[in-house]
């Protein structure tokens, strides 16, 4: 059964329990069983309070991140690993089993060309070390393909699958995002099929990052593609309503993505559940 989740960018720019907890009765009523923690600055997370919150509300947690622009996994992998170490510590402390996101590079950083052999080689060496470090914390490590305007390194499900096969670590999984897939994949069916052997996490995000069902994304095809591969992992709604300044530039988010931000939850969540139901996906 798929766990239905919410990325907190939909309700807060960062992980802020003072803003999130008052909404939990409503979120639980809408079927939310997982919350994603954006680890933009891992040192800011109150891990004890966060773990107690998760236990109190019976929700799973999965942190995610994109590496800061100052880091370069190819030229200076030690610095990038030093950034990930406290993030792994946060995951372990809050009781999460995984870290997702753009763990292989920086959101919004591109070269203007295809990745070179040296870049791929360096990224694979880095991911092998990062996966080993994650395993020491009992964690799996996600890699999220992003669109060509946010990275030139991994854009499609097949790209991520090839990287995982080359690295050979058994604790790396693919983290797909329907917003990026809408831009990069030939079809949802092709993208999910290519990623299927390693797929462990899915962001469902509208084509304009706003309210699911009010954009151009083909949700019926998206949900059917997940059902067809028998995907049973977490499915998390991501919307860029409230974005932290440290990541807004890389995401190119400079205007509201929804006229009424609350519609992302009050309209978007029921819409996604219904689309999943029609496709045969049972959301827990």
Protein backbone atom coordinates (compact mmCIF):
# COMPACT_ATOMS: atom_id res chain seq x y z
CA UNK A 1 0.00 0.00 0.00
CA UNK A 2 1.23 3.48 -0.86
CA UNK A 3 1.84 5.91 1.99
CA UNK A 4 0.37 9.31 1.14
CA UNK A 5 2.54 12.26 2.15
CA UNK A 6 2.97 16.01 2.03
CA UNK A 7 6.10 18.03 1.42
CA UNK A 8 6.09 20.88 3.91
CA UNK A 9 6.85 23.47 1.21
CA UNK A 10 3.08 23.23 0.73
CA UNK A 11 2.44 24.71 4.19
CA UNK A 12 5.72 26.25 5.37
CA UNK A 13 8.99 27.41 3.79
CA UNK A 14 11.04 25.32 6.23
CA UNK A 15 10.37 22.62 8.82
CA UNK A 16 8.49 24.63 11.44
CA UNK A 17 6.47 22.57 13.90
CA UNK A 18 4.77 25.67 15.27
CA UNK A 19 3.16 26.10 11.83
CA UNK A 20 2.71 22.42 11.00
CA UNK A 21 1.29 20.94 14.20
CA UNK A 22 -1.88 23.09 14.30
CA UNK A 23 -2.80 21.65 10.90
CA UNK A 24 -2.26 18.01 11.74
CA UNK A 25 -5.88 17.14 12.58
CA UNK A 26 -6.91 18.31 9.12
CA UNK A 27 -3.96 16.62 7.40
CA UNK A 28 -4.62 13.31 9.11
CA UNK A 29 -8.25 13.61 8.09
CA UNK A 30 -7.08 13.97 4.50
CA UNK A 31 -5.11 10.75 4.75
CA UNK A 32 -1.60 12.08 5.29
CA UNK A 33 0.68 9.42 6.76
CA UNK A 34 4.06 10.94 5.89
CA UNK A 35 5.67 14.37 6.02
CA UNK A 36 8.79 15.38 4.16
CA UNK A 37 11.35 17.52 5.97
CA UNK A 38 13.35 19.93 3.79
CA UNK A 39 16.88 19.75 5.18
CA UNK A 40 18.14 23.02 3.76
CA UNK A 41 20.07 23.64 6.97
CA UNK A 42 20.25 20.37 8.94
CA UNK A 43 21.55 22.07 12.08
CA UNK A 44 18.24 23.93 12.49
CA UNK A 45 16.15 20.77 13.02
CA UNK A 46 15.09 20.08 16.60
CA UNK A 47 15.38 16.31 16.28
CA UNK A 48 13.98 15.36 19.69
CA UNK A 49 10.89 17.51 19.26
CA UNK A 50 10.46 16.30 15.68
CA UNK A 51 10.63 12.63 16.63
CA UNK A 52 8.16 13.15 19.44
CA UNK A 53 5.85 14.96 17.01
CA UNK A 54 6.01 12.06 14.54
CA UNK A 55 5.23 9.52 17.25
CA UNK A 56 2.40 11.65 18.62
CA UNK A 57 0.71 11.94 15.22
CA UNK A 58 1.74 8.52 13.91
CA UNK A 59 3.35 9.90 10.76
CA UNK A 60 6.47 8.75 8.97
CA UNK A 61 9.18 11.28 8.13
CA UNK A 62 11.52 11.47 5.17
CA UNK A 63 14.02 14.32 4.95
CA UNK A 64 15.20 15.60 1.57
CA UNK A 65 17.69 18.17 0.35
CA UNK A 66 19.60 19.65 -2.54
CA UNK A 67 23.28 20.33 -2.06
CA UNK A 68 24.22 24.02 -1.58
CA UNK A 69 25.58 25.93 -4.58
CA UNK A 70 28.97 26.27 -2.90
CA UNK A 71 29.58 22.52 -3.14
CA UNK A 72 30.99 20.52 -6.03
CA UNK A 73 30.76 16.72 -5.73
CA UNK A 74 33.27 16.19 -8.55
CA UNK A 75 35.98 18.72 -7.68
CA UNK A 76 35.57 18.71 -3.89
CA UNK A 77 33.69 15.56 -2.83
CA UNK A 78 34.98 15.69 0.76
CA UNK A 79 33.16 19.01 1.36
CA UNK A 80 29.90 17.59 -0.01
CA UNK A 81 30.22 14.49 2.17
CA UNK A 82 30.88 16.71 5.17
CA UNK A 83 27.57 18.47 4.44
CA UNK A 84 25.69 15.18 4.17
CA UNK A 85 26.99 13.71 7.43
CA UNK A 86 24.86 15.94 9.71
CA UNK A 87 21.90 15.39 7.38
CA UNK A 88 22.31 11.64 7.86
CA UNK A 89 22.47 12.27 11.59
CA UNK A 90 19.17 14.15 11.48
CA UNK A 91 17.52 11.30 9.55
CA UNK A 92 18.66 8.77 12.13
CA UNK A 93 17.66 10.99 15.05
CA UNK A 94 14.10 11.59 13.80
CA UNK A 95 13.58 7.92 12.98
CA UNK A 96 13.65 8.16 9.20
CA UNK A 97 14.88 5.33 7.01
CA UNK A 98 16.00 7.44 4.05
CA UNK A 99 17.24 10.76 2.70
CA UNK A 100 15.87 11.85 -0.66
CA UNK A 101 16.31 14.75 -3.05
CA UNK A 102 19.11 16.09 -5.21
CA UNK A 103 21.84 14.40 -3.21
CA UNK A 104 24.18 14.25 -6.20
CA UNK A 105 24.36 17.97 -7.04
CA UNK A 106 22.96 21.47 -6.70
CA UNK A 107 19.44 22.50 -7.76
CA UNK A 108 19.72 25.24 -10.38
CA UNK A 109 23.36 24.55 -11.26
CA UNK A 110 23.98 23.59 -14.88
CA UNK A 111 26.92 23.72 -17.28
CA UNK A 112 24.89 24.56 -20.36
CA UNK A 113 25.87 21.26 -21.96
CA UNK A 114 25.55 17.53 -21.50
CA UNK A 115 27.42 16.00 -18.56
CA UNK A 116 30.99 15.07 -19.42
CA UNK A 117 32.52 11.67 -18.77
CA UNK A 118 34.55 13.24 -15.98
CA UNK A 119 31.40 14.65 -14.36
CA UNK A 120 29.61 11.30 -14.51
CA UNK A 121 32.68 9.50 -13.19
CA UNK A 122 33.09 11.97 -10.34
CA UNK A 123 29.39 11.91 -9.46
CA UNK A 124 29.40 8.10 -9.34
CA UNK A 125 32.47 8.06 -7.11
CA UNK A 126 30.78 10.56 -4.83
CA UNK A 127 27.51 8.59 -4.69
CA UNK A 128 29.39 5.41 -3.84
CA UNK A 129 30.98 7.18 -0.86
CA UNK A 130 27.71 8.87 0.11
CA UNK A 131 25.80 5.56 -0.02
CA UNK A 132 28.42 3.93 2.19
CA UNK A 133 28.18 6.80 4.69
CA UNK A 134 24.36 6.60 4.64
CA UNK A 135 24.48 2.85 5.29
CA UNK A 136 26.50 3.49 8.45
CA UNK A 137 23.40 5.32 9.74
CA UNK A 138 21.06 2.57 8.54
CA UNK A 139 19.77 4.78 5.73
CA UNK A 140 18.86 4.55 2.07
CA UNK A 141 19.90 7.40 -0.24
CA UNK A 142 17.58 8.80 -2.90
CA UNK A 143 18.58 10.49 -6.15
CA UNK A 144 15.96 12.72 -7.75
CA UNK A 145 16.14 13.36 -11.51
CA UNK A 146 15.41 17.03 -12.21
CA UNK A 147 14.57 18.93 -15.37
CA UNK A 148 17.28 20.25 -17.70
CA UNK A 149 16.92 23.80 -16.35
CA UNK A 150 17.80 22.72 -12.80
CA UNK A 151 20.58 20.22 -13.51
CA UNK A 152 22.40 18.67 -16.45
CA UNK A 153 23.46 15.59 -14.49
CA UNK A 154 20.39 13.36 -14.04
CA UNK A 155 17.17 14.28 -15.88
CA UNK A 156 15.17 11.08 -16.45
CA UNK A 157 14.33 7.84 -14.73
CA UNK A 158 16.56 5.90 -17.13
CA UNK A 159 19.47 8.22 -16.33
CA UNK A 160 19.08 7.56 -12.61
CA UNK A 161 18.77 3.81 -13.16
CA UNK A 162 22.02 3.74 -15.14
CA UNK A 163 23.82 5.68 -12.41
CA UNK A 164 22.58 3.27 -9.72
CA UNK A 165 23.65 0.27 -11.79
CA UNK A 166 27.08 1.78 -12.29
CA UNK A 167 27.57 2.71 -8.63
CA UNK A 168 26.41 -0.71 -7.47
CA UNK A 169 25.34 0.31 -3.97
CA UNK A 170 22.29 -1.56 -2.69
CA UNK A 171 20.94 1.36 -0.65
CA UNK A 172 20.43 3.94 -3.43
CA UNK A 173 16.91 4.44 -4.76
CA UNK A 174 15.27 6.63 -7.39
CA UNK A 175 13.13 9.55 -6.24
CA UNK A 176 10.88 10.61 -9.13
CA UNK A 177 8.97 13.88 -9.36
CA UNK A 178 6.04 14.32 -11.74
CA UNK A 179 6.87 17.99 -12.34
CA UNK A 180 10.28 17.07 -13.72
CA UNK A 181 8.89 14.02 -15.52
CA UNK A 182 6.30 16.22 -17.28
CA UNK A 183 9.21 18.12 -18.84
CA UNK A 184 11.75 15.37 -19.46
CA UNK A 185 10.09 11.98 -20.00
CA UNK A 186 8.67 10.64 -23.24
CA UNK A 187 5.65 9.58 -21.21
CA UNK A 188 4.80 8.81 -17.60
CA UNK A 189 4.58 5.14 -18.55
CA UNK A 190 8.12 5.17 -19.98
CA UNK A 191 9.58 7.12 -17.07
CA UNK A 192 8.07 4.98 -14.34
CA UNK A 193 8.88 1.78 -16.21
CA UNK A 194 12.55 2.74 -16.56
CA UNK A 195 12.84 3.63 -12.88
CA UNK A 196 10.75 0.72 -11.59
CA UNK A 197 13.56 -1.61 -10.39
CA UNK A 198 14.95 1.11 -8.13
CA UNK A 199 11.95 3.35 -7.48
CA UNK A 200 11.49 4.17 -3.80
CA UNK A 201 9.79 7.57 -3.59
CA UNK A 202 7.54 9.77 -5.74
CA UNK A 203 6.76 13.48 -5.60
CA UNK A 204 3.40 14.29 -7.17
CA UNK A 205 3.58 17.92 -8.27
CA UNK A 206 1.46 19.81 -10.78
CA UNK A 207 3.03 21.11 -14.00
CA UNK A 208 2.98 24.66 -12.60
CA UNK A 209 3.90 23.54 -9.04
CA UNK A 210 0.47 24.66 -7.88
CA UNK A 211 -2.85 22.96 -7.13
CA UNK A 212 -3.01 19.39 -8.46
CA UNK A 213 -5.74 19.17 -11.09
CA UNK A 214 -5.56 22.84 -12.04
CA UNK A 215 -2.58 22.54 -14.34
CA UNK A 216 -1.64 20.71 -17.52
CA UNK A 217 -0.32 17.48 -16.01
CA UNK A 218 -2.04 14.27 -17.15
CA UNK A 219 -2.84 12.80 -13.75
CA UNK A 220 -4.77 9.82 -15.09
CA UNK A 221 -1.72 8.72 -17.10
CA UNK A 222 0.58 9.41 -14.15
CA UNK A 223 -1.39 7.32 -11.66
CA UNK A 224 -1.96 4.53 -14.17
CA UNK A 225 1.78 4.37 -14.85
CA UNK A 226 2.46 3.86 -11.14
CA UNK A 227 -0.26 1.25 -10.87
CA UNK A 228 1.04 -0.60 -13.94
CA UNK A 229 4.50 -1.12 -12.39
CA UNK A 230 2.95 -2.17 -9.07
CA UNK A 231 4.48 0.73 -7.16
CA UNK A 232 3.59 0.55 -3.46
CA UNK A 233 5.95 3.11 -1.94
CA UNK A 234 5.41 6.64 -0.63
CA UNK A 235 3.64 9.23 -2.80
CA UNK A 236 4.10 12.78 -1.55
CA UNK A 237 2.40 15.96 -2.72
CA UNK A 238 4.94 18.71 -3.33
CA UNK A 239 3.97 22.31 -3.99
CA UNK A 240 6.16 25.41 -4.00
CA UNK A 241 3.75 27.71 -2.19
CA UNK A 242 6.24 28.81 0.45
CA UNK A 243 9.87 28.47 -0.57
CA UNK A 244 12.94 29.30 1.46
CA UNK A 245 15.20 31.96 -0.06
CA UNK A 246 18.11 29.50 -0.16
CA UNK A 247 16.34 27.35 -2.73
CA UNK A 248 13.92 29.72 -4.49
CA UNK A 249 16.48 30.87 -7.05
CA UNK A 250 17.45 27.35 -8.08
CA UNK A 251 13.77 26.44 -8.48
CA UNK A 252 12.98 29.68 -10.34
CA UNK A 253 10.03 30.35 -8.03
CA UNK A 254 9.40 34.08 -7.82
CA UNK A 255 5.60 34.32 -7.82
CA UNK A 256 2.77 32.48 -6.05
CA UNK A 257 1.99 29.13 -7.65
CA UNK A 258 -1.61 29.19 -6.39
CA UNK A 259 -4.01 32.12 -6.01
CA UNK A 260 -5.21 30.59 -2.77
CA UNK A 261 -2.32 28.57 -1.24
CA UNK A 262 -4.70 26.54 0.93
CA UNK A 263 -6.24 25.05 -2.22
CA UNK A 264 -3.08 22.97 -2.66
CA UNK A 265 -4.14 20.96 0.38
CA UNK A 266 -7.93 21.34 0.56
CA UNK A 267 -8.47 20.79 -3.18
CA UNK A 268 -5.26 19.08 -4.27
CA UNK A 269 -5.12 16.25 -1.77
CA UNK A 270 -8.69 14.96 -2.37
CA UNK A 271 -8.14 15.29 -6.12
CA UNK A 272 -4.98 13.15 -5.98
CA UNK A 273 -6.65 10.52 -3.83
CA UNK A 274 -9.52 10.23 -6.31
CA UNK A 275 -7.16 9.98 -9.30
CA UNK A 276 -5.18 7.29 -7.48
CA UNK A 277 -8.38 5.39 -6.66
CA UNK A 278 -9.51 5.43 -10.27
CA UNK A 279 -6.12 4.07 -11.34
CA UNK A 280 -6.22 1.29 -8.74
CA UNK A 281 -3.64 2.75 -6.35
CA UNK A 282 -4.65 2.29 -2.73
CA UNK A 283 -3.27 5.18 -0.69
CA UNK A 284 -2.77 4.52 3.00
